[in-house]
N, C-alpha and C. Protein backbone atom coordinates (compact mmCIF):
# COMPACT_ATOMS: atom_id res chain seq x y z
N MET A 1 0.37 -1.07 0.04
CA MET A 1 -0.45 0.12 0.03
C MET A 1 1.28 1.05 -0.04
N ALA A 2 0.69 1.97 -0.92
CA ALA A 2 1.59 3.16 -0.82
C ALA A 2 0.72 4.45 0.27
N ARG A 3 2.26 5.45 0.74
CA ARG A 3 1.32 6.61 1.48
C ARG A 3 2.06 7.35 0.87
N ILE A 4 1.12 8.40 0.53
CA ILE A 4 1.81 9.23 -0.11
C ILE A 4 1.10 10.94 0.47
N ALA A 5 1.68 11.60 0.76
CA ALA A 5 0.93 12.92 1.82
C ALA A 5 0.03 12.44 2.90
N GLY A 6 0.38 11.52 3.91
CA GLY A 6 0.27 10.67 4.88
C GLY A 6 -0.98 10.37 4.76
N VAL A 7 -1.62 9.70 3.32
CA VAL A 7 -2.60 9.38 3.16
C VAL A 7 -2.40 7.63 2.58
N ASN A 8 -3.05 7.16 2.96
CA ASN A 8 -2.78 5.52 2.40
C ASN A 8 -3.75 5.57 0.91
N ILE A 9 -3.27 5.64 -0.27
CA ILE A 9 -3.90 5.26 -1.23
C ILE A 9 -4.38 4.06 -1.71
N PRO A 10 -5.72 3.32 -2.40
CA PRO A 10 -6.01 2.27 -2.96
C PRO A 10 -4.63 1.44 -3.57
N THR A 11 -4.41 0.26 -3.13
CA THR A 11 -3.19 -0.46 -4.36
C THR A 11 -4.07 -1.14 -5.66
N ASN A 12 -5.57 -1.01 -5.69
CA ASN A 12 -6.02 -1.87 -7.04
C ASN A 12 -6.27 -0.72 -7.88
N LYS A 13 -6.14 0.61 -7.69
CA LYS A 13 -7.23 1.41 -8.53
C LYS A 13 -5.49 1.73 -9.36
N ARG A 14 -6.11 2.33 -10.36
CA ARG A 14 -5.36 3.43 -11.83
C ARG A 14 -4.85 4.25 -10.70
N VAL A 15 -3.57 4.88 -11.14
CA VAL A 15 -2.96 5.85 -10.47
C VAL A 15 -3.46 7.16 -10.44
N GLU A 16 -3.76 7.49 -11.51
CA GLU A 16 -4.85 8.72 -11.49
C GLU A 16 -6.20 8.49 -10.78
N ILE A 17 -7.01 7.72 -10.76
CA ILE A 17 -7.58 7.69 -9.71
C ILE A 17 -7.34 7.28 -8.35
N ALA A 18 -6.23 6.87 -8.02
CA ALA A 18 -5.83 6.64 -6.63
C ALA A 18 -5.36 8.15 -5.91
N LEU A 19 -4.62 9.13 -6.37
CA LEU A 19 -3.70 10.11 -6.26
C LEU A 19 -5.20 11.35 -5.75
N THR A 20 -6.62 11.01 -6.43
CA THR A 20 -7.69 11.65 -5.74
C THR A 20 -8.44 11.47 -4.40
N TYR A 21 -7.86 10.25 -4.13
CA TYR A 21 -8.13 10.17 -2.88
C TYR A 21 -7.32 10.78 -1.72
N ILE A 22 -6.30 12.15 -2.14
CA ILE A 22 -5.45 12.63 -1.16
C ILE A 22 -6.48 14.24 -1.62
N HIS A 23 -6.55 14.99 -0.50
CA HIS A 23 -7.73 15.96 0.17
C HIS A 23 -6.81 16.94 -0.86
N GLY A 24 -7.06 17.91 -2.01
CA GLY A 24 -6.95 18.59 -2.22
C GLY A 24 -6.00 18.21 -4.07
N ILE A 25 -6.34 16.75 -3.97
CA ILE A 25 -5.91 16.57 -5.60
C ILE A 25 -7.11 16.00 -6.21
N GLY A 26 -7.45 16.91 -7.44
CA GLY A 26 -8.94 16.06 -7.82
C GLY A 26 -8.13 15.30 -9.34
N ARG A 27 -8.74 15.33 -10.44
CA ARG A 27 -8.24 14.34 -11.53
C ARG A 27 -7.50 15.34 -12.17
N ARG A 28 -7.91 15.92 -12.74
CA ARG A 28 -7.17 17.35 -13.37
C ARG A 28 -5.75 17.03 -12.87
N TYR A 29 -5.69 17.34 -11.32
CA TYR A 29 -4.08 17.31 -10.98
C TYR A 29 -3.46 16.04 -10.69
N ALA A 30 -4.23 14.83 -10.84
CA ALA A 30 -3.84 13.45 -10.81
C ALA A 30 -3.29 13.48 -12.42
N GLN A 31 -3.93 13.46 -13.38
CA GLN A 31 -3.28 13.98 -14.73
C GLN A 31 -2.29 14.85 -14.89
N ASP A 32 -1.94 15.42 -14.37
CA ASP A 32 -1.15 16.35 -14.11
C ASP A 32 0.17 15.70 -13.65
N ILE A 33 -0.18 15.16 -12.58
CA ILE A 33 1.11 14.45 -11.86
C ILE A 33 1.56 13.17 -12.18
N CYS A 34 1.17 12.74 -12.88
CA CYS A 34 0.95 11.48 -14.00
C CYS A 34 1.65 12.15 -15.12
N GLU A 35 1.81 12.81 -15.65
CA GLU A 35 2.40 13.39 -16.97
C GLU A 35 3.84 13.68 -16.43
N LYS A 36 4.02 14.31 -15.41
CA LYS A 36 4.94 15.07 -14.93
C LYS A 36 6.23 13.77 -14.87
N VAL A 37 5.55 13.01 -14.02
CA VAL A 37 6.41 12.16 -13.55
C VAL A 37 6.30 10.70 -14.56
N LYS A 38 5.38 10.85 -15.80
CA LYS A 38 5.64 9.89 -17.19
C LYS A 38 5.36 8.52 -16.90
N ILE A 39 4.17 8.55 -16.18
CA ILE A 39 3.26 7.43 -15.68
C ILE A 39 2.52 7.23 -16.28
N PRO A 40 2.18 6.13 -17.24
CA PRO A 40 1.17 5.72 -18.46
C PRO A 40 -0.58 5.67 -17.64
N ARG A 41 -1.17 6.11 -18.59
CA ARG A 41 -2.93 6.30 -17.76
C ARG A 41 -3.35 4.97 -17.46
N GLU A 42 -2.93 3.83 -18.04
CA GLU A 42 -3.66 2.77 -17.23
C GLU A 42 -2.69 1.70 -16.36
N ARG A 43 -1.40 2.30 -15.66
CA ARG A 43 -0.40 1.91 -14.50
C ARG A 43 -1.62 2.16 -13.94
N ARG A 44 -1.19 0.50 -12.29
CA ARG A 44 -2.22 0.45 -11.32
C ARG A 44 -1.26 1.23 -10.22
N VAL A 45 -1.58 1.13 -9.05
CA VAL A 45 -0.45 1.52 -8.15
C VAL A 45 0.19 0.70 -7.68
N ASN A 46 -0.47 -0.52 -7.52
CA ASN A 46 0.30 -2.18 -6.95
C ASN A 46 1.67 -2.29 -8.07
N GLU A 47 1.64 -1.61 -9.34
CA GLU A 47 2.63 -2.32 -10.40
C GLU A 47 3.53 -0.89 -10.58
N LEU A 48 3.34 0.13 -9.68
CA LEU A 48 4.52 1.25 -9.12
C LEU A 48 5.60 0.65 -8.82
N SER A 49 6.75 1.19 -9.09
CA SER A 49 8.07 0.90 -8.55
C SER A 49 8.39 1.91 -7.01
N ASP A 50 9.05 1.71 -6.53
CA ASP A 50 9.51 2.60 -5.09
C ASP A 50 10.20 3.57 -5.42
N GLN A 51 10.59 4.16 -6.94
CA GLN A 51 11.14 5.27 -7.11
C GLN A 51 10.05 5.99 -8.05
N GLU A 52 8.91 5.44 -8.58
CA GLU A 52 7.99 6.33 -8.88
C GLU A 52 6.93 6.94 -7.77
N VAL A 53 6.74 5.96 -6.66
CA VAL A 53 6.10 6.71 -5.57
C VAL A 53 6.90 7.79 -5.13
N ILE A 54 8.46 7.69 -4.86
CA ILE A 54 8.94 8.82 -5.07
C ILE A 54 8.92 9.75 -5.22
N GLN A 55 9.20 10.09 -7.05
CA GLN A 55 9.00 10.59 -7.57
C GLN A 55 7.34 11.60 -7.57
N ILE A 56 6.33 10.72 -7.22
CA ILE A 56 4.96 11.53 -7.57
C ILE A 56 4.96 12.35 -5.69
N ARG A 57 5.66 11.34 -4.69
CA ARG A 57 5.69 12.07 -3.60
C ARG A 57 6.43 13.89 -3.40
N GLU A 58 7.36 13.42 -4.32
CA GLU A 58 8.53 14.94 -4.78
C GLU A 58 7.28 15.97 -5.11
N VAL A 59 7.17 15.60 -6.31
CA VAL A 59 5.97 16.52 -7.14
C VAL A 59 4.81 16.90 -6.43
N ILE A 60 4.40 16.08 -6.03
CA ILE A 60 3.63 16.82 -4.63
C ILE A 60 3.84 17.48 -3.90
N ASP A 61 4.65 17.76 -2.93
CA ASP A 61 5.18 18.36 -2.35
C ASP A 61 5.77 19.58 -2.56
N ARG A 62 6.44 19.55 -3.71
CA ARG A 62 6.64 20.87 -4.15
C ARG A 62 5.95 21.79 -5.10
N GLU A 63 4.71 21.18 -5.36
CA GLU A 63 4.11 22.15 -6.41
C GLU A 63 2.55 22.07 -5.84
N TYR A 64 2.07 21.32 -4.97
CA TYR A 64 0.69 21.40 -4.48
C TYR A 64 0.63 21.35 -3.01
N MET A 65 -0.28 22.24 -2.67
CA MET A 65 -0.44 22.32 -1.69
C MET A 65 -2.07 21.14 -1.00
N VAL A 66 -1.63 20.32 -0.43
CA VAL A 66 -2.76 19.05 0.06
C VAL A 66 -2.67 18.82 1.68
N GLU A 67 -3.94 18.16 1.95
CA GLU A 67 -4.44 17.76 3.39
C GLU A 67 -4.16 18.79 4.46
N GLY A 68 -3.76 18.33 4.91
CA GLY A 68 -3.23 19.40 6.43
C GLY A 68 -3.13 20.88 6.05
N ASP A 69 -1.90 21.03 5.26
CA ASP A 69 -2.09 22.84 4.77
C ASP A 69 -3.09 23.29 4.37
N LEU A 70 -3.96 22.77 3.44
CA LEU A 70 -4.76 23.09 2.79
C LEU A 70 -6.07 23.32 3.15
N ARG A 71 -6.55 22.34 4.59
CA ARG A 71 -7.59 22.53 5.39
C ARG A 71 -6.98 23.40 6.22
N ARG A 72 -6.06 23.87 6.86
CA ARG A 72 -5.93 25.08 7.92
C ARG A 72 -5.73 26.28 7.02
N GLU A 73 -5.36 26.36 5.66
CA GLU A 73 -5.55 27.51 4.97
C GLU A 73 -6.85 27.74 4.56
N VAL A 74 -7.99 27.08 4.38
CA VAL A 74 -9.55 27.14 4.04
C VAL A 74 -9.83 27.51 5.50
N ALA A 75 -9.38 26.56 6.52
CA ALA A 75 -10.19 27.28 7.87
C ALA A 75 -9.43 28.69 8.35
N MET A 76 -8.04 29.11 7.76
CA MET A 76 -8.23 30.45 8.29
C MET A 76 -8.54 31.85 7.41
N ASN A 77 -8.60 31.39 6.09
CA ASN A 77 -9.55 32.31 5.44
C ASN A 77 -11.06 32.32 5.49
N ILE A 78 -11.73 31.34 6.24
CA ILE A 78 -13.30 31.44 7.23
C ILE A 78 -12.94 32.21 8.06
N LYS A 79 -11.73 31.89 8.86
CA LYS A 79 -11.75 32.73 9.72
C LYS A 79 -11.38 34.11 9.85
N ARG A 80 -10.83 34.31 8.43
CA ARG A 80 -10.39 36.03 8.46
C ARG A 80 -11.66 36.69 8.14
N LEU A 81 -12.36 35.94 7.32
CA LEU A 81 -13.91 36.37 7.31
C LEU A 81 -15.00 36.75 7.78
N MET A 82 -14.95 35.69 9.04
CA MET A 82 -15.78 36.32 9.85
C MET A 82 -15.30 36.93 10.93
N ASP A 83 -14.11 37.14 11.33
CA ASP A 83 -13.16 38.54 12.20
C ASP A 83 -13.37 39.55 11.33
N LEU A 84 -13.90 39.72 10.03
CA LEU A 84 -13.68 41.13 9.66
C LEU A 84 -15.27 41.67 9.72
N GLY A 85 -16.04 40.72 9.90
CA GLY A 85 -17.69 40.76 10.01
C GLY A 85 -18.10 41.17 8.82
N CYS A 86 -17.75 40.61 7.55
CA CYS A 86 -18.36 40.85 6.17
C CYS A 86 -19.24 40.39 6.06
N TYR A 87 -20.22 40.30 5.38
CA TYR A 87 -20.87 39.58 4.82
C TYR A 87 -21.29 37.87 4.71
N ARG A 88 -19.89 37.67 4.23
CA ARG A 88 -20.13 36.31 4.03
C ARG A 88 -19.39 35.55 5.47
N GLY A 89 -18.85 36.56 6.13
CA GLY A 89 -18.26 36.11 7.68
C GLY A 89 -19.76 35.41 8.37
N LEU A 90 -20.79 36.69 8.28
CA LEU A 90 -21.62 36.69 9.23
C LEU A 90 -22.46 35.44 8.51
N ARG A 91 -22.60 35.20 7.24
CA ARG A 91 -23.09 33.85 6.85
C ARG A 91 -22.80 32.23 7.83
N HIS A 92 -21.42 32.43 7.22
CA HIS A 92 -20.60 31.63 8.28
C HIS A 92 -20.98 31.39 9.58
N ARG A 93 -20.45 32.42 10.65
CA ARG A 93 -21.21 32.32 11.57
C ARG A 93 -22.46 31.87 12.00
N ARG A 94 -23.52 32.49 11.54
CA ARG A 94 -24.77 32.10 11.71
C ARG A 94 -25.21 30.36 10.83
N GLY A 95 -23.90 29.99 10.21
CA GLY A 95 -24.23 28.84 10.07
C GLY A 95 -25.57 28.45 8.44
N LEU A 96 -25.68 29.59 7.69
CA LEU A 96 -26.26 29.74 6.53
C LEU A 96 -25.33 29.83 5.59
N PRO A 97 -26.11 29.88 4.39
CA PRO A 97 -25.66 29.26 3.30
C PRO A 97 -24.96 30.84 2.92
N VAL A 98 -23.53 30.74 2.25
CA VAL A 98 -22.71 31.98 2.14
C VAL A 98 -23.16 32.53 0.69
N ARG A 99 -23.11 31.30 -0.47
CA ARG A 99 -23.18 32.40 -1.84
C ARG A 99 -24.62 32.38 -2.40
N GLY A 100 -25.41 33.00 -1.60
CA GLY A 100 -26.46 33.33 -1.94
C GLY A 100 -27.65 32.59 -2.68
N GLN A 101 -28.14 31.36 -1.89
CA GLN A 101 -28.68 30.13 -2.01
C GLN A 101 -30.04 31.18 -1.06
N ARG A 102 -31.50 30.23 -1.71
CA ARG A 102 -32.33 30.74 -1.19
C ARG A 102 -33.12 30.06 0.44
N THR A 103 -33.00 30.92 1.39
CA THR A 103 -33.54 29.79 2.34
C THR A 103 -34.60 29.71 3.15
N HIS A 104 -35.66 30.22 2.61
CA HIS A 104 -36.83 30.72 3.13
C HIS A 104 -37.75 28.71 2.91
N THR A 105 -37.26 28.06 1.63
CA THR A 105 -36.97 26.34 1.97
C THR A 105 -36.18 26.02 1.67
N ASN A 106 -35.87 24.58 1.46
CA ASN A 106 -34.55 23.91 1.79
C ASN A 106 -33.23 24.61 2.19
N ALA A 107 -31.95 24.50 2.20
CA ALA A 107 -31.25 25.11 3.01
C ALA A 107 -30.75 24.23 4.37
N ARG A 108 -31.26 23.05 4.09
CA ARG A 108 -31.56 21.42 5.36
C ARG A 108 -29.75 21.75 5.31
N THR A 109 -28.80 21.24 4.47
CA THR A 109 -28.05 21.26 5.01
C THR A 109 -27.27 22.24 5.84
N ARG A 110 -26.99 23.43 5.21
CA ARG A 110 -26.46 24.13 5.87
C ARG A 110 -26.83 24.42 7.74
N LYS A 111 -28.76 24.84 7.52
CA LYS A 111 -29.71 24.83 8.74
C LYS A 111 -29.19 23.71 10.02
N GLY A 112 -29.26 22.51 9.24
CA GLY A 112 -29.63 21.39 10.09
C GLY A 112 -31.12 20.88 10.22
N PRO A 113 -31.62 20.03 10.83
CA PRO A 113 -32.67 19.05 10.66
C PRO A 113 -33.82 20.66 11.32
N ALA A 114 -35.23 20.69 10.81
CA ALA A 114 -36.00 21.13 10.61
C ALA A 114 -36.31 21.05 12.63
N LYS A 115 -36.50 22.55 13.09
CA LYS A 115 -37.21 22.80 14.57
C LYS A 115 -38.58 23.22 14.43
N PRO A 116 -39.31 21.94 14.93
CA PRO A 116 -40.76 22.63 15.21
C PRO A 116 -40.98 23.54 16.05
N ILE A 117 -41.83 24.54 15.58
CA ILE A 117 -42.49 25.54 16.57
C ILE A 117 -43.00 25.45 17.56
N ALA A 118 -43.78 25.38 18.74
CA ALA A 118 -44.47 25.11 19.84
C ALA A 118 -45.47 26.19 19.49
N GLY A 119 -46.70 25.17 19.48
CA GLY A 119 -47.99 25.90 19.47
C GLY A 119 -48.57 26.47 17.96
N ARG A 120 -47.92 26.09 17.12
CA ARG A 120 -48.28 26.46 15.39
C ARG A 120 -49.39 25.52 15.35
N ARG A 121 -50.42 26.11 14.51
CA ARG A 121 -51.28 25.03 13.67
C ARG A 121 -52.25 25.52 12.80
């Protein structure tokens, strides 16, 4: 089992797909990484040599922000908005949708389960 950026990536999948298990790497970045390391598209993780795994690790460390660093930066950006007191920060603080979606109905993912109002008939 290959371990890249602190994540155990699945061994029986294609490298391109397996790299997407790392937070911050999607299909596009995974394809770019495979091109830089010159790994064919149909190669599977269990077929990789140790040298190729090390090369993949080095490319990711050098060029991409992933896992803990990325999560920390996103959290800091949200905290900055909340400290500024701007509209987006207030929406984050109240746990409401940030990007202009309607809240009269829907928005249950952000607002949580519906709270019944007592005495309403």
